[in-house]
């Protein structure tokens, strides 16, 4: 866990797009990106997401603090990587 950096929004935008293009079907609602950070500066967050047209939020939280029900719903890094590689080929 680390403090928020503006470039994280670009990565989160990539991940939400990947989910929308590879997993989501026509009956699903838009994917919501939630970025959990150790700390954040609200002004930096506001500038970082101002022109992003997807629902994205930034929160101060650690993975281990998440309720078990939420943690169980999140794919692991390995699972997410496998989904991306199945649809777009291996990471280069």
N, C-alpha and C. Protein backbone atom coordinates (compact mmCIF):
# COMPACT_ATOMS: atom_id res chain seq x y z
N UNK A 1 0.85 -1.18 0.00
CA UNK A 1 0.00 0.00 0.00
C UNK A 1 0.89 1.24 0.00
N UNK A 2 0.43 2.23 -0.72
CA UNK A 2 1.18 3.47 -0.84
C UNK A 2 0.20 4.64 -0.92
N UNK A 3 0.74 5.84 -0.88
CA UNK A 3 -0.13 7.01 -1.01
C UNK A 3 -0.54 7.18 -2.46
N UNK A 4 -1.64 7.90 -2.67
CA UNK A 4 -2.18 8.12 -4.01
C UNK A 4 -1.20 8.88 -4.89
N UNK A 5 -1.10 8.43 -6.13
CA UNK A 5 -0.33 9.11 -7.17
C UNK A 5 -1.27 9.30 -8.37
N UNK A 6 -1.23 10.45 -9.05
CA UNK A 6 -2.14 10.71 -10.17
C UNK A 6 -2.11 9.63 -11.26
N UNK A 7 -0.95 9.05 -11.51
CA UNK A 7 -0.85 8.03 -12.57
C UNK A 7 -1.66 6.78 -12.26
N UNK A 8 -2.03 6.57 -10.99
CA UNK A 8 -2.85 5.42 -10.64
C UNK A 8 -4.20 5.47 -11.34
N UNK A 9 -4.71 6.68 -11.61
CA UNK A 9 -6.01 6.83 -12.27
C UNK A 9 -5.94 6.27 -13.69
N UNK A 10 -4.82 6.51 -14.38
CA UNK A 10 -4.66 5.95 -15.72
C UNK A 10 -4.68 4.43 -15.69
N UNK A 11 -4.03 3.85 -14.72
CA UNK A 11 -4.03 2.39 -14.59
C UNK A 11 -5.43 1.88 -14.26
N UNK A 12 -6.11 2.56 -13.35
CA UNK A 12 -7.46 2.15 -12.99
C UNK A 12 -8.40 2.27 -14.19
N UNK A 13 -8.24 3.31 -14.97
CA UNK A 13 -9.02 3.47 -16.19
C UNK A 13 -8.77 2.30 -17.14
N UNK A 14 -7.51 1.89 -17.27
CA UNK A 14 -7.17 0.72 -18.09
C UNK A 14 -7.89 -0.53 -17.59
N UNK A 15 -7.84 -0.76 -16.28
CA UNK A 15 -8.45 -1.97 -15.71
C UNK A 15 -9.97 -1.97 -15.88
N UNK A 16 -10.62 -0.83 -15.67
CA UNK A 16 -12.08 -0.80 -15.83
C UNK A 16 -12.46 -1.00 -17.30
N UNK A 17 -11.67 -0.46 -18.21
CA UNK A 17 -11.92 -0.69 -19.63
C UNK A 17 -11.73 -2.16 -19.97
N UNK A 18 -10.68 -2.78 -19.44
CA UNK A 18 -10.42 -4.20 -19.70
C UNK A 18 -11.59 -5.06 -19.21
N UNK A 19 -12.10 -4.76 -18.02
CA UNK A 19 -13.25 -5.50 -17.50
C UNK A 19 -14.46 -5.29 -18.40
N UNK A 20 -14.71 -4.04 -18.76
CA UNK A 20 -15.87 -3.75 -19.60
C UNK A 20 -15.79 -4.44 -20.97
N UNK A 21 -14.60 -4.55 -21.51
CA UNK A 21 -14.43 -5.15 -22.84
C UNK A 21 -14.33 -6.67 -22.82
N UNK A 22 -13.88 -7.27 -21.72
CA UNK A 22 -13.62 -8.71 -21.72
C UNK A 22 -14.58 -9.53 -20.85
N UNK A 23 -15.17 -8.93 -19.83
CA UNK A 23 -15.98 -9.69 -18.89
C UNK A 23 -17.44 -9.25 -18.88
N UNK A 24 -17.65 -7.96 -18.82
CA UNK A 24 -19.00 -7.40 -18.71
C UNK A 24 -19.83 -7.74 -19.94
N UNK A 25 -21.12 -8.08 -19.71
CA UNK A 25 -21.98 -8.28 -20.85
C UNK A 25 -23.04 -7.18 -20.91
N UNK A 26 -23.92 -7.25 -21.87
CA UNK A 26 -24.88 -6.17 -22.11
C UNK A 26 -25.83 -5.93 -20.95
N UNK A 27 -25.99 -6.89 -20.06
CA UNK A 27 -26.92 -6.75 -18.94
C UNK A 27 -26.25 -6.16 -17.69
N UNK A 28 -24.93 -6.10 -17.68
CA UNK A 28 -24.21 -5.55 -16.54
C UNK A 28 -24.20 -4.03 -16.59
N UNK A 29 -24.18 -3.43 -15.42
CA UNK A 29 -24.04 -1.98 -15.33
C UNK A 29 -22.57 -1.63 -15.50
N UNK A 30 -22.25 -0.33 -15.74
CA UNK A 30 -20.84 0.04 -15.93
C UNK A 30 -19.97 -0.34 -14.73
N UNK A 31 -18.77 -0.74 -15.02
CA UNK A 31 -17.80 -1.09 -13.98
C UNK A 31 -17.43 0.17 -13.20
N UNK A 32 -17.34 0.04 -11.90
CA UNK A 32 -16.92 1.14 -11.04
C UNK A 32 -15.52 0.83 -10.53
N UNK A 33 -14.59 1.72 -10.80
CA UNK A 33 -13.22 1.55 -10.32
C UNK A 33 -13.07 2.16 -8.94
N UNK A 34 -12.58 1.37 -8.00
CA UNK A 34 -12.33 1.87 -6.65
C UNK A 34 -10.86 1.67 -6.34
N UNK A 35 -10.18 2.75 -6.08
CA UNK A 35 -8.75 2.71 -5.80
C UNK A 35 -8.55 2.87 -4.30
N UNK A 36 -7.93 1.88 -3.68
CA UNK A 36 -7.68 1.91 -2.24
C UNK A 36 -6.23 2.31 -2.00
N UNK A 37 -6.02 3.40 -1.29
CA UNK A 37 -4.68 3.93 -1.04
C UNK A 37 -4.45 4.11 0.46
N UNK A 38 -3.19 4.09 0.82
CA UNK A 38 -2.82 4.32 2.22
C UNK A 38 -3.20 5.73 2.64
N UNK A 39 -2.92 6.72 1.79
CA UNK A 39 -3.29 8.12 2.04
C UNK A 39 -3.61 8.78 0.72
N UNK A 40 -4.33 9.93 0.77
CA UNK A 40 -4.65 10.66 -0.44
C UNK A 40 -4.78 12.14 -0.13
N UNK A 41 -4.51 12.96 -1.12
CA UNK A 41 -4.72 14.40 -1.06
C UNK A 41 -5.92 14.68 -1.94
N UNK A 42 -7.02 15.16 -1.36
CA UNK A 42 -8.27 15.33 -2.10
C UNK A 42 -8.11 16.23 -3.33
N UNK A 43 -7.31 17.28 -3.24
CA UNK A 43 -7.11 18.17 -4.38
C UNK A 43 -6.41 17.44 -5.53
N UNK A 44 -5.40 16.66 -5.22
CA UNK A 44 -4.70 15.89 -6.25
C UNK A 44 -5.64 14.86 -6.88
N UNK A 45 -6.45 14.20 -6.05
CA UNK A 45 -7.42 13.24 -6.57
C UNK A 45 -8.41 13.95 -7.50
N UNK A 46 -8.94 15.09 -7.05
CA UNK A 46 -9.92 15.82 -7.87
C UNK A 46 -9.35 16.19 -9.24
N UNK A 47 -8.12 16.70 -9.27
CA UNK A 47 -7.50 17.05 -10.54
C UNK A 47 -7.27 15.80 -11.40
N UNK A 48 -6.94 14.70 -10.77
CA UNK A 48 -6.62 13.46 -11.50
C UNK A 48 -7.84 12.85 -12.17
N UNK A 49 -9.02 12.97 -11.56
CA UNK A 49 -10.20 12.32 -12.12
C UNK A 49 -11.17 13.28 -12.80
N UNK A 50 -10.84 14.55 -12.80
CA UNK A 50 -11.76 15.58 -13.31
C UNK A 50 -12.33 15.26 -14.69
N UNK A 51 -11.54 14.85 -15.65
CA UNK A 51 -12.01 14.63 -17.01
C UNK A 51 -12.20 13.15 -17.36
N UNK A 52 -12.16 12.28 -16.39
CA UNK A 52 -12.42 10.86 -16.62
C UNK A 52 -13.93 10.67 -16.65
N UNK A 53 -14.44 9.97 -17.65
CA UNK A 53 -15.88 9.82 -17.80
C UNK A 53 -16.40 8.46 -17.36
N UNK A 54 -15.71 7.85 -16.42
CA UNK A 54 -16.14 6.57 -15.84
C UNK A 54 -16.28 6.78 -14.35
N UNK A 55 -17.16 5.99 -13.70
CA UNK A 55 -17.26 6.11 -12.24
C UNK A 55 -16.01 5.54 -11.57
N UNK A 56 -15.23 6.41 -10.94
CA UNK A 56 -14.00 6.04 -10.26
C UNK A 56 -13.98 6.73 -8.91
N UNK A 57 -13.55 6.02 -7.89
CA UNK A 57 -13.42 6.61 -6.56
C UNK A 57 -12.08 6.26 -5.95
N UNK A 58 -11.60 7.09 -5.04
CA UNK A 58 -10.34 6.86 -4.34
C UNK A 58 -10.63 6.89 -2.86
N UNK A 59 -10.15 5.89 -2.16
CA UNK A 59 -10.40 5.80 -0.73
C UNK A 59 -9.13 5.39 0.00
N UNK A 60 -9.02 5.87 1.23
CA UNK A 60 -7.91 5.43 2.08
C UNK A 60 -8.35 4.15 2.78
N UNK A 61 -7.68 3.07 2.42
CA UNK A 61 -8.06 1.75 2.94
C UNK A 61 -6.92 0.80 2.62
N UNK A 62 -6.77 -0.24 3.36
CA UNK A 62 -5.83 -1.29 2.99
C UNK A 62 -6.63 -2.54 2.68
N UNK A 63 -6.07 -3.39 1.87
CA UNK A 63 -6.76 -4.62 1.45
C UNK A 63 -7.21 -5.43 2.66
N UNK A 64 -6.35 -5.53 3.66
CA UNK A 64 -6.69 -6.35 4.83
C UNK A 64 -7.80 -5.74 5.67
N UNK A 65 -8.05 -4.44 5.52
CA UNK A 65 -9.13 -3.79 6.26
C UNK A 65 -10.48 -3.96 5.58
N UNK A 66 -10.48 -4.39 4.33
CA UNK A 66 -11.74 -4.59 3.63
C UNK A 66 -12.56 -5.69 4.30
N UNK A 67 -13.86 -5.54 4.33
CA UNK A 67 -14.69 -6.62 4.85
C UNK A 67 -14.47 -7.90 4.03
N UNK A 68 -14.53 -9.03 4.69
CA UNK A 68 -14.28 -10.31 4.04
C UNK A 68 -15.15 -10.50 2.81
N UNK A 69 -16.42 -10.11 2.88
CA UNK A 69 -17.31 -10.28 1.72
C UNK A 69 -16.78 -9.55 0.49
N UNK A 70 -16.22 -8.37 0.69
CA UNK A 70 -15.68 -7.60 -0.44
C UNK A 70 -14.39 -8.24 -0.94
N UNK A 71 -13.49 -8.60 -0.03
CA UNK A 71 -12.22 -9.24 -0.43
C UNK A 71 -12.47 -10.49 -1.25
N UNK A 72 -13.48 -11.27 -0.86
CA UNK A 72 -13.78 -12.52 -1.57
C UNK A 72 -14.29 -12.27 -2.99
N UNK A 73 -14.86 -11.10 -3.25
CA UNK A 73 -15.40 -10.77 -4.57
C UNK A 73 -14.32 -10.25 -5.53
N UNK A 74 -13.20 -9.79 -5.00
CA UNK A 74 -12.14 -9.22 -5.83
C UNK A 74 -11.26 -10.32 -6.41
N UNK A 75 -10.93 -10.22 -7.71
CA UNK A 75 -10.00 -11.20 -8.26
C UNK A 75 -8.59 -10.93 -7.74
N UNK A 76 -7.81 -11.98 -7.65
CA UNK A 76 -6.41 -11.81 -7.26
C UNK A 76 -5.65 -11.19 -8.44
N UNK A 77 -4.46 -10.70 -8.18
CA UNK A 77 -3.63 -10.14 -9.25
C UNK A 77 -3.37 -11.21 -10.31
N UNK A 78 -3.12 -12.45 -9.87
CA UNK A 78 -2.86 -13.55 -10.79
C UNK A 78 -4.09 -13.84 -11.66
N UNK A 79 -5.28 -13.87 -11.05
CA UNK A 79 -6.51 -14.12 -11.81
C UNK A 79 -6.75 -13.03 -12.84
N UNK A 80 -6.57 -11.78 -12.44
CA UNK A 80 -6.79 -10.67 -13.36
C UNK A 80 -5.81 -10.74 -14.52
N UNK A 81 -4.56 -11.04 -14.23
CA UNK A 81 -3.55 -11.16 -15.28
C UNK A 81 -3.92 -12.28 -16.26
N UNK A 82 -4.42 -13.40 -15.75
CA UNK A 82 -4.83 -14.50 -16.62
C UNK A 82 -5.97 -14.08 -17.55
N UNK A 83 -6.92 -13.33 -17.03
CA UNK A 83 -8.05 -12.86 -17.84
C UNK A 83 -7.54 -11.97 -18.97
N UNK A 84 -6.65 -11.04 -18.64
CA UNK A 84 -6.11 -10.14 -19.65
C UNK A 84 -5.33 -10.92 -20.70
N UNK A 85 -4.48 -11.86 -20.26
CA UNK A 85 -3.66 -12.64 -21.20
C UNK A 85 -4.53 -13.53 -22.10
N UNK A 86 -5.62 -14.06 -21.56
CA UNK A 86 -6.51 -14.90 -22.37
C UNK A 86 -7.15 -14.09 -23.49
N UNK A 87 -7.41 -12.83 -23.22
CA UNK A 87 -8.11 -12.00 -24.19
C UNK A 87 -7.19 -11.16 -25.07
N UNK A 88 -6.00 -10.85 -24.59
CA UNK A 88 -5.13 -9.93 -25.34
C UNK A 88 -3.72 -10.49 -25.55
N UNK A 89 -3.45 -11.67 -25.09
CA UNK A 89 -2.12 -12.25 -25.24
C UNK A 89 -1.24 -11.96 -24.04
N UNK A 90 -0.08 -12.61 -23.97
CA UNK A 90 0.81 -12.45 -22.81
C UNK A 90 1.34 -11.03 -22.69
N UNK A 91 1.64 -10.65 -21.43
CA UNK A 91 2.22 -9.35 -21.14
C UNK A 91 3.62 -9.30 -21.73
N UNK A 92 3.95 -8.17 -22.32
CA UNK A 92 5.27 -8.04 -22.94
C UNK A 92 6.17 -7.19 -22.10
